[in-house]
C-alpha atoms as a PDB file:
ATOM      1  CA  MET A   1      26.928 230.079 147.072  1.00  0.00           C
ATOM      2  CA  PRO A   2      25.968 226.523 148.088  1.00  0.00           C
ATOM      3  CA  SER A   3      28.369 223.626 147.890  1.00  0.00           C
ATOM      4  CA  VAL A   4      27.564 220.946 145.312  1.00  0.00           C
ATOM      5  CA  SER A   5      27.449 217.169 145.625  1.00  0.00           C
ATOM      6  CA  ALA A   6      28.124 215.055 142.509  1.00  0.00           C
ATOM      7  CA  THR A   7      26.760 211.547 141.979  1.00  0.00           C
ATOM      8  CA  GLU A   8      27.165 209.045 139.150  1.00  0.00           C
ATOM      9  CA  ARG A   9      24.983 206.172 138.008  1.00  0.00           C
ATOM     10  CA  PHE A  10      24.124 203.980 135.039  1.00  0.00           C
ATOM     11  CA  ILE A  11      20.625 203.654 133.627  1.00  0.00           C
ATOM     12  CA  SER A  12      19.703 200.391 131.921  1.00  0.00           C
ATOM     13  CA  THR A  13      17.960 200.448 128.542  1.00  0.00           C
ATOM     14  CA  SER A  14      17.099 197.688 126.085  1.00  0.00           C
ATOM     15  CA  ASP A  15      20.258 198.548 124.119  1.00  0.00           C
ATOM     16  CA  GLY A  16      22.709 199.010 126.986  1.00  0.00           C
ATOM     17  CA  GLU A  17      23.609 201.261 129.892  1.00  0.00           C
ATOM     18  CA  LEU A  18      23.634 205.063 129.815  1.00  0.00           C
ATOM     19  CA  PHE A  19      26.068 206.933 132.044  1.00  0.00           C
ATOM     20  CA  VAL A  20      24.512 209.818 133.988  1.00  0.00           C
ATOM     21  CA  LYS A  21      26.071 212.319 136.387  1.00  0.00           C
ATOM     22  CA  SER A  22      24.203 214.776 138.595  1.00  0.00           C
ATOM     23  CA  TRP A  23      25.359 217.868 140.477  1.00  0.00           C
ATOM     24  CA  THR A  24      23.067 218.849 143.356  1.00  0.00           C
ATOM     25  CA  PRO A  25      23.440 221.902 145.618  1.00  0.00           C
ATOM     26  CA  VAL A  26      23.844 220.676 149.183  1.00  0.00           C
ATOM     27  CA  SER A  27      22.183 223.751 150.685  1.00  0.00           C
ATOM     28  CA  GLY A  28      20.313 226.731 149.344  1.00  0.00           C
ATOM     29  CA  ILE A  29      18.607 224.643 146.652  1.00  0.00           C
ATOM     30  CA  LYS A  30      15.276 225.802 145.340  1.00  0.00           C
ATOM     31  CA  PRO A  31      12.190 223.751 146.309  1.00  0.00           C
ATOM     32  CA  ALA A  32      11.944 220.151 145.138  1.00  0.00           C
ATOM     33  CA  THR A  33       9.467 221.267 142.497  1.00  0.00           C
ATOM     34  CA  THR A  34      12.201 223.268 140.734  1.00  0.00           C
ATOM     35  CA  ALA A  35      13.069 221.849 137.335  1.00  0.00           C
ATOM     36  CA  PRO A  36      16.654 220.584 136.959  1.00  0.00           C
ATOM     37  CA  VAL A  37      18.913 221.507 134.047  1.00  0.00           C
ATOM     38  CA  VAL A  38      19.621 218.638 131.643  1.00  0.00           C
ATOM     39  CA  LEU A  39      22.786 219.020 129.546  1.00  0.00           C
ATOM     40  CA  PHE A  40      23.097 217.677 125.981  1.00  0.00           C
ATOM     41  CA  HIS A  41      26.699 217.367 124.779  1.00  0.00           C
ATOM     42  CA  ASP A  42      28.137 218.083 121.322  1.00  0.00           C
ATOM     43  CA  SER A  43      29.153 215.699 118.525  1.00  0.00           C
ATOM     44  CA  LEU A  44      32.504 214.788 120.085  1.00  0.00           C
ATOM     45  CA  GLY A  45      31.462 215.446 123.659  1.00  0.00           C
ATOM     46  CA  SER A  46      30.799 213.541 126.845  1.00  0.00           C
ATOM     47  CA  VAL A  47      29.890 214.145 130.460  1.00  0.00           C
ATOM     48  CA  GLU A  48      33.555 214.518 131.369  1.00  0.00           C
ATOM     49  CA  LEU A  49      34.140 217.118 128.653  1.00  0.00           C
ATOM     50  CA  TRP A  50      31.730 219.489 130.376  1.00  0.00           C
ATOM     51  CA  ARG A  51      34.522 219.699 132.986  1.00  0.00           C
ATOM     52  CA  ASP A  52      33.576 221.954 135.909  1.00  0.00           C
ATOM     53  CA  PHE A  53      30.798 223.828 134.087  1.00  0.00           C
ATOM     54  CA  PRO A  54      27.906 221.731 135.489  1.00  0.00           C
ATOM     55  CA  GLU A  55      29.097 222.375 139.044  1.00  0.00           C
ATOM     56  CA  LEU A  56      29.389 226.112 138.385  1.00  0.00           C
ATOM     57  CA  LEU A  57      25.888 226.128 136.914  1.00  0.00           C
ATOM     58  CA  ALA A  58      24.357 224.137 139.784  1.00  0.00           C
ATOM     59  CA  ARG A  59      25.960 226.428 142.343  1.00  0.00           C
ATOM     60  CA  SER A  60      24.832 229.601 140.564  1.00  0.00           C
ATOM     61  CA  LEU A  61      21.264 228.495 139.834  1.00  0.00           C
ATOM     62  CA  GLY A  62      20.610 226.573 143.043  1.00  0.00           C
ATOM     63  CA  ARG A  63      19.268 223.807 140.822  1.00  0.00           C
ATOM     64  CA  GLN A  64      20.282 220.259 140.105  1.00  0.00           C
ATOM     65  CA  VAL A  65      22.229 219.819 136.859  1.00  0.00           C
ATOM     66  CA  ILE A  66      22.162 216.476 135.046  1.00  0.00           C
ATOM     67  CA  ALA A  67      24.413 215.357 132.165  1.00  0.00           C
ATOM     68  CA  TYR A  68      24.542 212.060 130.312  1.00  0.00           C
ATOM     69  CA  ASP A  69      26.664 210.353 127.691  1.00  0.00           C
ATOM     70  CA  ARG A  70      24.653 209.572 124.583  1.00  0.00           C
ATOM     71  CA  PRO A  71      24.851 205.989 123.257  1.00  0.00           C
ATOM     72  CA  GLY A  72      28.295 205.464 121.697  1.00  0.00           C
ATOM     73  CA  PHE A  73      29.929 208.248 123.721  1.00  0.00           C
ATOM     74  CA  GLY A  74      31.919 208.492 126.922  1.00  0.00           C
ATOM     75  CA  ARG A  75      30.987 205.806 129.450  1.00  0.00           C
ATOM     76  CA  SER A  76      27.665 204.826 127.859  1.00  0.00           C
ATOM     77  CA  TYR A  77      27.330 201.632 125.823  1.00  0.00           C
ATOM     78  CA  ALA A  78      29.259 201.270 122.561  1.00  0.00           C
ATOM     79  CA  ARG A  79      27.708 201.390 119.106  1.00  0.00           C
ATOM     80  CA  ALA A  80      28.815 199.980 115.776  1.00  0.00           C
ATOM     81  CA  ASP A  81      25.968 201.211 113.558  1.00  0.00           C
ATOM     82  CA  ALA A  82      25.931 204.374 111.482  1.00  0.00           C
ATOM     83  CA  LEU A  83      23.845 207.288 112.714  1.00  0.00           C
ATOM     84  CA  GLU A  84      20.541 207.635 110.889  1.00  0.00           C
ATOM     85  CA  SER A  85      19.748 211.032 109.394  1.00  0.00           C
ATOM     86  CA  ASP A  86      17.004 211.505 112.011  1.00  0.00           C
ATOM     87  CA  PHE A  87      19.353 210.939 114.975  1.00  0.00           C
ATOM     88  CA  ILE A  88      18.695 214.429 116.339  1.00  0.00           C
ATOM     89  CA  ILE A  89      14.921 213.893 116.362  1.00  0.00           C
ATOM     90  CA  SER A  90      15.109 210.372 117.795  1.00  0.00           C
ATOM     91  CA  GLU A  91      17.123 211.463 120.846  1.00  0.00           C
ATOM     92  CA  ALA A  92      13.969 212.844 122.480  1.00  0.00           C
ATOM     93  CA  THR A  93      11.992 209.611 122.359  1.00  0.00           C
ATOM     94  CA  GLY A  94      14.979 207.331 122.951  1.00  0.00           C
ATOM     95  CA  PRO A  95      17.747 207.938 125.508  1.00  0.00           C
ATOM     96  CA  PHE A  96      16.286 211.169 126.862  1.00  0.00           C
ATOM     97  CA  THR A  97      12.909 209.579 127.604  1.00  0.00           C
ATOM     98  CA  ALA A  98      14.672 206.726 129.401  1.00  0.00           C
ATOM     99  CA  ILE A  99      16.433 209.259 131.630  1.00  0.00           C
ATOM    100  CA  LEU A 100      13.239 211.206 132.339  1.00  0.00           C
ATOM    101  CA  ASP A 101      11.456 208.012 133.344  1.00  0.00           C
ATOM    102  CA  GLU A 102      14.278 206.527 135.439  1.00  0.00           C
ATOM    103  CA  LEU A 103      15.008 209.750 137.334  1.00  0.00           C
ATOM    104  CA  GLY A 104      11.360 210.702 137.717  1.00  0.00           C
ATOM    105  CA  ILE A 105      11.871 214.121 136.140  1.00  0.00           C
ATOM    106  CA  LYS A 106       8.561 215.970 135.860  1.00  0.00           C
ATOM    107  CA  GLY A 107       9.916 219.190 134.378  1.00  0.00           C
ATOM    108  CA  PHE A 108      13.295 220.303 133.054  1.00  0.00           C
ATOM    109  CA  ILE A 109      15.414 223.038 131.514  1.00  0.00           C
ATOM    110  CA  ALA A 110      17.022 221.743 128.311  1.00  0.00           C
ATOM    111  CA  PHE A 111      20.577 223.058 127.769  1.00  0.00           C
ATOM    112  CA  GLY A 112      22.480 221.892 124.697  1.00  0.00           C
ATOM    113  CA  HIS A 113      25.866 222.636 123.152  1.00  0.00           C
ATOM    114  CA  SER A 114      26.349 222.443 119.351  1.00  0.00           C
ATOM    115  CA  VAL A 115      24.300 219.500 118.018  1.00  0.00           C
ATOM    116  CA  GLY A 116      23.222 219.006 121.614  1.00  0.00           C
ATOM    117  CA  GLY A 117      21.434 222.339 121.288  1.00  0.00           C
ATOM    118  CA  ALA A 118      19.403 220.958 118.393  1.00  0.00           C
ATOM    119  CA  MET A 119      18.587 217.891 120.491  1.00  0.00           C
ATOM    120  CA  ALA A 120      17.576 220.104 123.393  1.00  0.00           C
ATOM    121  CA  ALA A 121      15.222 221.977 121.054  1.00  0.00           C
ATOM    122  CA  VAL A 122      13.665 218.715 119.898  1.00  0.00           C
ATOM    123  CA  CYS A 123      13.108 217.712 123.526  1.00  0.00           C
ATOM    124  CA  ALA A 124      11.515 221.101 124.239  1.00  0.00           C
ATOM    125  CA  ALA A 125       9.144 220.610 121.300  1.00  0.00           C
ATOM    126  CA  THR A 126       8.420 216.982 122.191  1.00  0.00           C
ATOM    127  CA  PHE A 127       7.660 217.701 125.855  1.00  0.00           C
ATOM    128  CA  PRO A 128       6.062 221.172 125.792  1.00  0.00           C
ATOM    129  CA  ASP A 129       4.316 220.666 129.134  1.00  0.00           C
ATOM    130  CA  ARG A 130       7.534 219.599 130.879  1.00  0.00           C
ATOM    131  CA  CYS A 131      10.264 221.761 129.333  1.00  0.00           C
ATOM    132  CA  VAL A 132      10.199 225.096 131.169  1.00  0.00           C
ATOM    133  CA  ALA A 133      13.092 226.659 129.226  1.00  0.00           C
ATOM    134  CA  LEU A 134      15.444 225.972 126.320  1.00  0.00           C
ATOM    135  CA  ILE A 135      19.053 227.159 126.397  1.00  0.00           C
ATOM    136  CA  THR A 136      21.321 226.624 123.404  1.00  0.00           C
ATOM    137  CA  GLU A 137      25.020 227.284 123.015  1.00  0.00           C
ATOM    138  CA  ALA A 138      26.745 227.331 119.607  1.00  0.00           C
ATOM    139  CA  ALA A 139      23.837 225.260 118.304  1.00  0.00           C
ATOM    140  CA  GLN A 140      23.175 224.528 114.623  1.00  0.00           C
ATOM    141  CA  ALA A 141      19.744 224.875 113.048  1.00  0.00           C
ATOM    142  CA  PHE A 142      20.714 223.875 109.492  1.00  0.00           C
ATOM    143  CA  VAL A 143      23.762 222.725 107.531  1.00  0.00           C
ATOM    144  CA  GLU A 144      25.711 225.853 106.637  1.00  0.00           C
ATOM    145  CA  ASP A 145      28.762 226.098 104.361  1.00  0.00           C
ATOM    146  CA  LEU A 146      30.803 227.236 107.364  1.00  0.00           C
ATOM    147  CA  THR A 147      29.658 224.160 109.283  1.00  0.00           C
ATOM    148  CA  VAL A 148      30.828 221.848 106.512  1.00  0.00           C
ATOM    149  CA  LYS A 149      34.152 223.665 106.216  1.00  0.00           C
ATOM    150  CA  GLY A 150      34.744 223.477 109.952  1.00  0.00           C
ATOM    151  CA  ILE A 151      34.076 219.745 110.003  1.00  0.00           C
ATOM    152  CA  ARG A 152      36.303 219.096 106.989  1.00  0.00           C
ATOM    153  CA  ASP A 153      39.105 221.055 108.634  1.00  0.00           C
ATOM    154  CA  ALA A 154      38.674 219.094 111.864  1.00  0.00           C
ATOM    155  CA  GLU A 155      38.625 215.827 109.919  1.00  0.00           C
ATOM    156  CA  GLN A 156      42.066 216.657 108.467  1.00  0.00           C
ATOM    157  CA  VAL A 157      43.417 217.467 111.924  1.00  0.00           C
ATOM    158  CA  PHE A 158      42.206 214.171 113.382  1.00  0.00           C
ATOM    159  CA  ALA A 159      43.793 212.310 110.452  1.00  0.00           C
ATOM    160  CA  GLN A 160      47.230 213.343 111.726  1.00  0.00           C
ATOM    161  CA  ASP A 161      49.266 210.955 113.842  1.00  0.00           C
ATOM    162  CA  GLY A 162      48.229 210.862 117.479  1.00  0.00           C
ATOM    163  CA  GLN A 163      45.283 213.261 117.167  1.00  0.00           C
ATOM    164  CA  ILE A 164      42.669 210.547 117.700  1.00  0.00           C
ATOM    165  CA  ASP A 165      44.210 210.029 121.140  1.00  0.00           C
ATOM    166  CA  ARG A 166      42.535 213.274 122.205  1.00  0.00           C
ATOM    167  CA  LEU A 167      39.190 211.526 121.752  1.00  0.00           C
ATOM    168  CA  ARG A 168      40.326 208.233 123.270  1.00  0.00           C
ATOM    169  CA  LYS A 169      40.946 210.061 126.541  1.00  0.00           C
ATOM    170  CA  TYR A 170      37.188 210.574 126.868  1.00  0.00           C
ATOM    171  CA  HIS A 171      35.667 207.820 124.713  1.00  0.00           C
ATOM    172  CA  GLY A 172      38.185 204.979 124.959  1.00  0.00           C
ATOM    173  CA  GLU A 173      37.792 202.369 122.227  1.00  0.00           C
ATOM    174  CA  LYS A 174      34.670 204.184 121.009  1.00  0.00           C
ATOM    175  CA  ALA A 175      36.735 207.154 119.753  1.00  0.00           C
ATOM    176  CA  ASP A 176      36.909 206.036 116.116  1.00  0.00           C
ATOM    177  CA  TRP A 177      33.150 205.529 116.004  1.00  0.00           C
ATOM    178  CA  VAL A 178      32.560 208.944 117.588  1.00  0.00           C
ATOM    179  CA  LEU A 179      34.659 210.674 114.935  1.00  0.00           C
ATOM    180  CA  ARG A 180      33.039 208.750 112.053  1.00  0.00           C
ATOM    181  CA  ALA A 181      29.574 209.433 113.424  1.00  0.00           C
ATOM    182  CA  TRP A 182      30.268 213.174 113.393  1.00  0.00           C
ATOM    183  CA  THR A 183      32.037 213.578 110.059  1.00  0.00           C
ATOM    184  CA  GLY A 184      30.188 210.810 108.247  1.00  0.00           C
ATOM    185  CA  THR A 185      26.771 212.182 109.136  1.00  0.00           C
ATOM    186  CA  TRP A 186      27.284 215.920 108.736  1.00  0.00           C
ATOM    187  CA  LEU A 187      29.252 215.582 105.492  1.00  0.00           C
ATOM    188  CA  SER A 188      26.881 213.074 103.896  1.00  0.00           C
ATOM    189  CA  GLU A 189      24.720 214.139 100.973  1.00  0.00           C
ATOM    190  CA  ASN A 190      21.583 212.900 102.752  1.00  0.00           C
ATOM    191  CA  PHE A 191      22.092 215.324 105.615  1.00  0.00           C
ATOM    192  CA  GLN A 192      22.767 218.518 103.636  1.00  0.00           C
ATOM    193  CA  HIS A 193      19.111 219.610 103.605  1.00  0.00           C
ATOM    194  CA  TRP A 194      18.509 219.098 107.321  1.00  0.00           C
ATOM    195  CA  THR A 195      16.928 222.036 109.172  1.00  0.00           C
ATOM    196  CA  LEU A 196      15.377 222.539 112.578  1.00  0.00           C
ATOM    197  CA  ASN A 197      12.761 225.036 111.368  1.00  0.00           C
ATOM    198  CA  GLU A 198       9.710 222.850 111.922  1.00  0.00           C
ATOM    199  CA  THR A 199      10.906 221.790 115.372  1.00  0.00           C
ATOM    200  CA  LEU A 200      11.655 225.349 116.489  1.00  0.00           C
ATOM    201  CA  SER A 201       8.200 226.489 115.389  1.00  0.00           C
ATOM    202  CA  ARG A 202       6.775 224.067 117.994  1.00  0.00           C
ATOM    203  CA  VAL A 203       8.864 225.388 120.897  1.00  0.00           C
ATOM    204  CA  SER A 204       6.723 227.453 123.259  1.00  0.00           C
ATOM    205  CA  CYS A 205       8.935 227.907 126.343  1.00  0.00           C
ATOM    206  CA  PRO A 206      11.397 230.789 126.923  1.00  0.00           C
ATOM    207  CA  VAL A 207      14.572 230.441 124.830  1.00  0.00           C
ATOM    208  CA  LEU A 208      18.121 231.687 125.420  1.00  0.00           C
ATOM    209  CA  ALA A 209      20.521 231.271 122.473  1.00  0.00           C
ATOM    210  CA  ILE A 210      24.224 231.905 123.193  1.00  0.00           C
ATOM    211  CA  HIS A 211      26.667 232.077 120.294  1.00  0.00           C
ATOM    212  CA  GLY A 212      30.288 233.124 119.830  1.00  0.00           C
ATOM    213  CA  GLU A 213      30.946 235.721 117.150  1.00  0.00           C
ATOM    214  CA  ASN A 214      34.011 233.711 116.054  1.00  0.00           C
ATOM    215  CA  ASP A 215      32.271 230.325 116.021  1.00  0.00           C
ATOM    216  CA  GLU A 216      34.089 228.231 113.415  1.00  0.00           C
ATOM    217  CA  PHE A 217      31.084 225.959 112.836  1.00  0.00           C
ATOM    218  CA  GLY A 218      28.263 228.443 112.318  1.00  0.00           C
ATOM    219  CA  THR A 219      27.333 232.091 111.852  1.00  0.00           C
ATOM    220  CA  ALA A 220      24.816 234.133 113.829  1.00  0.00           C
ATOM    221  CA  ALA A 221      22.130 232.895 111.417  1.00  0.00           C
ATOM    222  CA  HIS A 222      21.715 229.876 113.708  1.00  0.00           C
ATOM    223  CA  PRO A 223      20.889 231.639 116.995  1.00  0.00           C
ATOM    224  CA  GLU A 224      18.720 234.044 115.022  1.00  0.00           C
ATOM    225  CA  LEU A 225      16.535 231.096 114.019  1.00  0.00           C
ATOM    226  CA  TYR A 226      16.503 229.765 117.567  1.00  0.00           C
ATOM    227  CA  THR A 227      15.160 233.111 118.763  1.00  0.00           C
ATOM    228  CA  SER A 228      12.809 233.997 115.903  1.00  0.00           C
ATOM    229  CA  LEU A 229      10.788 230.809 115.330  1.00  0.00           C
ATOM    230  CA  PRO A 230       9.652 229.781 118.864  1.00  0.00           C
ATOM    231  CA  ALA A 231       6.424 231.237 120.251  1.00  0.00           C
ATOM    232  CA  GLY A 232       7.702 232.172 123.707  1.00  0.00           C
ATOM    233  CA  PRO A 233      10.041 234.955 124.848  1.00  0.00           C
ATOM    234  CA  CYS A 234      13.513 234.679 123.309  1.00  0.00           C
ATOM    235  CA  VAL A 235      16.921 236.142 124.098  1.00  0.00           C
ATOM    236  CA  LEU A 236      19.953 236.090 121.772  1.00  0.00           C
ATOM    237  CA  GLU A 237      23.434 236.678 123.204  1.00  0.00           C
ATOM    238  CA  LEU A 238      26.402 237.043 120.827  1.00  0.00           C
ATOM    239  CA  LEU A 239      29.730 236.853 122.658  1.00  0.00           C
ATOM    240  CA  ASN A 240      32.723 238.869 121.490  1.00  0.00           C
ATOM    241  CA  GLU A 241      36.044 237.110 120.964  1.00  0.00           C
ATOM    242  CA  CYS A 242      34.447 233.705 121.464  1.00  0.00           C
ATOM    243  CA  GLY A 243      34.419 230.560 119.337  1.00  0.00           C
ATOM    244  CA  HIS A 244      32.460 227.324 119.358  1.00  0.00           C
ATOM    245  CA  VAL A 245      32.714 226.434 123.075  1.00  0.00           C
ATOM    246  CA  PRO A 246      31.503 229.420 125.111  1.00  0.00           C
ATOM    247  CA  HIS A 247      31.149 227.439 128.360  1.00  0.00           C
ATOM    248  CA  ARG A 248      34.886 226.653 128.189  1.00  0.00           C
ATOM    249  CA  GLU A 249      36.094 229.948 126.714  1.00  0.00           C
ATOM    250  CA  LYS A 250      33.918 232.266 128.828  1.00  0.00           C
ATOM    251  CA  PRO A 251      32.400 230.134 131.612  1.00  0.00           C
ATOM    252  CA  ASP A 252      31.693 233.020 133.982  1.00  0.00           C
ATOM    253  CA  VAL A 253      29.897 234.951 131.253  1.00  0.00           C
ATOM    254  CA  VAL A 254      27.776 231.949 130.252  1.00  0.00           C
ATOM    255  CA  VAL A 255      26.829 231.162 133.849  1.00  0.00           C
ATOM    256  CA  ARG A 256      25.828 234.788 134.424  1.00  0.00           C
ATOM    257  CA  LEU A 257      23.746 234.903 131.240  1.00  0.00           C
ATOM    258  CA  VAL A 258      21.954 231.684 132.160  1.00  0.00           C
ATOM    259  CA  SER A 259      21.341 232.827 135.750  1.00  0.00           C
ATOM    260  CA  ASP A 260      19.958 236.187 134.618  1.00  0.00           C
ATOM    261  CA  PHE A 261      17.745 234.495 132.026  1.00  0.00           C
ATOM    262  CA  VAL A 262      16.348 231.993 134.522  1.00  0.00           C
ATOM    263  CA  ASP A 263      15.710 234.705 137.110  1.00  0.00           C
ATOM    264  CA  GLU A 264      13.858 236.868 134.605  1.00  0.00           C
ATOM    265  CA  TYR A 265      11.829 234.390 132.597  1.00  0.00           C
ATOM    266  CA  LEU A 266      11.167 231.419 134.860  1.00  0.00           C
ATOM    267  CA  VAL A 267       8.620 231.612 137.619  1.00  0.00           C
ATOM    268  CA  PRO A 268       8.101 228.832 140.187  1.00  0.00           C
ATOM    269  CA  VAL A 269       6.113 226.047 138.554  1.00  0.00           C
ATOM    270  CA  ALA A 270       4.448 223.229 140.458  1.00  0.00           C
ATOM    271  CA  LEU A 271       5.849 220.146 138.755  1.00  0.00           C
ATOM    272  CA  GLY A 272       4.990 217.495 141.315  1.00  0.00           C
ATOM    273  CA  ASP A 273       7.586 215.671 143.356  1.00  0.00           C
ATOM    274  CA  GLN A 274      10.975 215.535 141.663  1.00  0.00           C
ATOM    275  CA  THR A 275      12.678 212.257 142.541  1.00  0.00           C
ATOM    276  CA  ASN A 276      15.992 212.876 140.800  1.00  0.00           C
ATOM    277  CA  HIS A 277      18.963 210.923 142.125  1.00  0.00           C
END
């Protein structure tokens, strides 16, 4: 497999700088017209929390993999405001569009974990001519009782002495905001009726939905929606003895599933010159 080169940069927006990291195969990469994979992290996540998964994915696929910290997370600019109830929808036309424009990305594979999976789906629906595939992992499509229970349980854990330090390692002084943004939004009354049904009905590219059978934040009802509502070909993979973070719990399995899916459902597409950095 090819070796991988990693690069970091900041992208300026009207609100502040977004941190972006790219993993590019040094040799054996597909043609420049091959769409890169863009990773969308979870509610407590960051670029760094993907750990070595992006490198494994880039090496296996022979494609560039790009990850970024959303506003308020990781090394991107800090926020003090509360998340609006449409924060999942607005990601596509906000930070993600800024990254597409700055990096000159003509086409992409959207890969999202947890709430990042919902954001990836929104991006697939918003850019149907540019998103060549949607891959979700432990993604939510609605607010389920199990989701609420999992968040309440996590909220109690983080209330214990020293637990917030786990987030500070990745988010620094933004850690308290990150935790409030997650629990405050998902547990709010205004958010309880949120669903992704309308968005998923507008997804037309191939879809791979990966979900752990022991996911503490959602049942198999979520990936079933991700693979029943879109118009294109869909694949659902339920992983045995796996919880909410398949790419950390079973990285080799996830990489293999993604590679097999891409090989089977994606054909070379002329996307113009990719000028990713």
